Protein backbone atom coordinates (compact mmCIF):
# COMPACT_ATOMS: atom_id res chain seq x y z
CA MET A 1 56.85 114.89 169.25
CA LYS A 2 55.11 114.62 165.90
CA LYS A 3 58.08 116.16 164.08
CA SER A 4 60.57 113.74 165.61
CA LEU A 5 58.30 110.77 164.86
CA LEU A 6 57.96 111.94 161.26
CA LEU A 7 61.73 112.35 161.00
CA VAL A 8 62.34 108.83 162.37
CA LEU A 9 59.82 107.33 159.95
CA LEU A 10 61.31 109.20 157.02
CA ALA A 11 64.84 108.10 157.94
CA SER A 12 63.83 104.47 158.40
CA THR A 13 61.94 104.43 155.09
CA THR A 14 64.91 105.92 153.26
CA LEU A 15 67.28 103.42 154.83
CA ALA A 16 64.98 100.47 154.09
CA SER A 17 64.64 101.49 150.45
CA SER A 18 68.38 101.98 149.96
CA ILE A 19 69.52 98.65 151.44
CA PRO A 20 68.30 96.52 148.50
CA ALA A 21 70.18 98.81 146.10
CA PHE A 22 73.42 98.25 148.04
CA ALA A 23 72.78 94.51 148.27
CA GLN A 24 72.76 94.01 144.50
CA ALA A 25 75.82 92.30 143.11
CA GLN A 26 78.34 94.62 141.53
CA PRO A 27 79.28 93.76 137.96
CA ALA A 28 82.68 92.20 137.47
CA ALA A 29 83.80 95.12 135.29
CA SER A 30 83.75 97.53 138.22
CA ASP A 31 85.90 95.11 140.26
CA ASN A 32 88.39 95.01 137.42
CA LYS A 33 88.47 98.81 137.27
CA ILE A 34 89.20 99.04 140.98
CA LYS A 35 91.88 96.36 140.74
CA THR A 36 93.48 98.05 137.72
CA ALA A 37 93.47 101.44 139.43
CA GLY A 38 95.05 99.94 142.54
CA LYS A 39 97.80 98.34 140.49
CA LYS A 40 98.54 101.61 138.68
CA ILE A 41 98.75 103.50 141.94
CA GLY A 42 101.03 100.83 143.42
CA ASN A 43 103.26 100.85 140.38
CA GLY A 44 103.48 104.64 140.52
CA ILE A 45 104.50 104.54 144.16
CA MET A 46 107.11 101.82 143.61
CA TRP A 47 108.59 103.32 140.42
CA GLY A 48 111.24 105.37 142.25
CA PRO A 49 112.53 102.60 144.54
CA LYS A 50 112.67 100.17 141.60
CA LYS A 51 114.75 102.59 139.52
CA LEU A 52 117.02 103.31 142.48
CA GLY A 53 117.49 99.58 143.13
CA ALA A 54 118.26 98.89 139.47
CA GLY A 55 120.82 101.70 139.44
CA LEU A 56 122.53 100.42 142.58
CA LYS A 57 122.62 96.93 141.11
CA LYS A 58 124.29 98.23 137.93
CA MET A 59 126.79 100.17 140.01
CA GLY A 60 127.60 97.00 141.92
CA ASN A 61 128.07 95.02 138.73
CA GLY A 62 130.28 97.78 137.29
CA ALA A 63 132.46 97.76 140.41
CA LYS A 64 132.94 94.01 140.11
CA LYS A 65 134.09 94.41 136.50
CA MET A 66 136.56 97.14 137.49
CA VAL A 67 138.09 94.92 140.17
CA GLY A 68 138.27 92.02 137.78
CA LYS A 69 136.02 89.53 139.48
């Protein structure tokens, strides 16, 4: 009983001391880093489909020139 009570008190004290640290406002620089990283990942994922789409568009324009339209 004493061990479990000690464990509960220790856990609650640790949690209570960590909450103010999480509640502090994050600096704007870290938000910018996250946003920049997200954009780079998104651009990396979409690189292939963009290149494929641009190639298909050029093929379509080339076909129009061959037909004479």
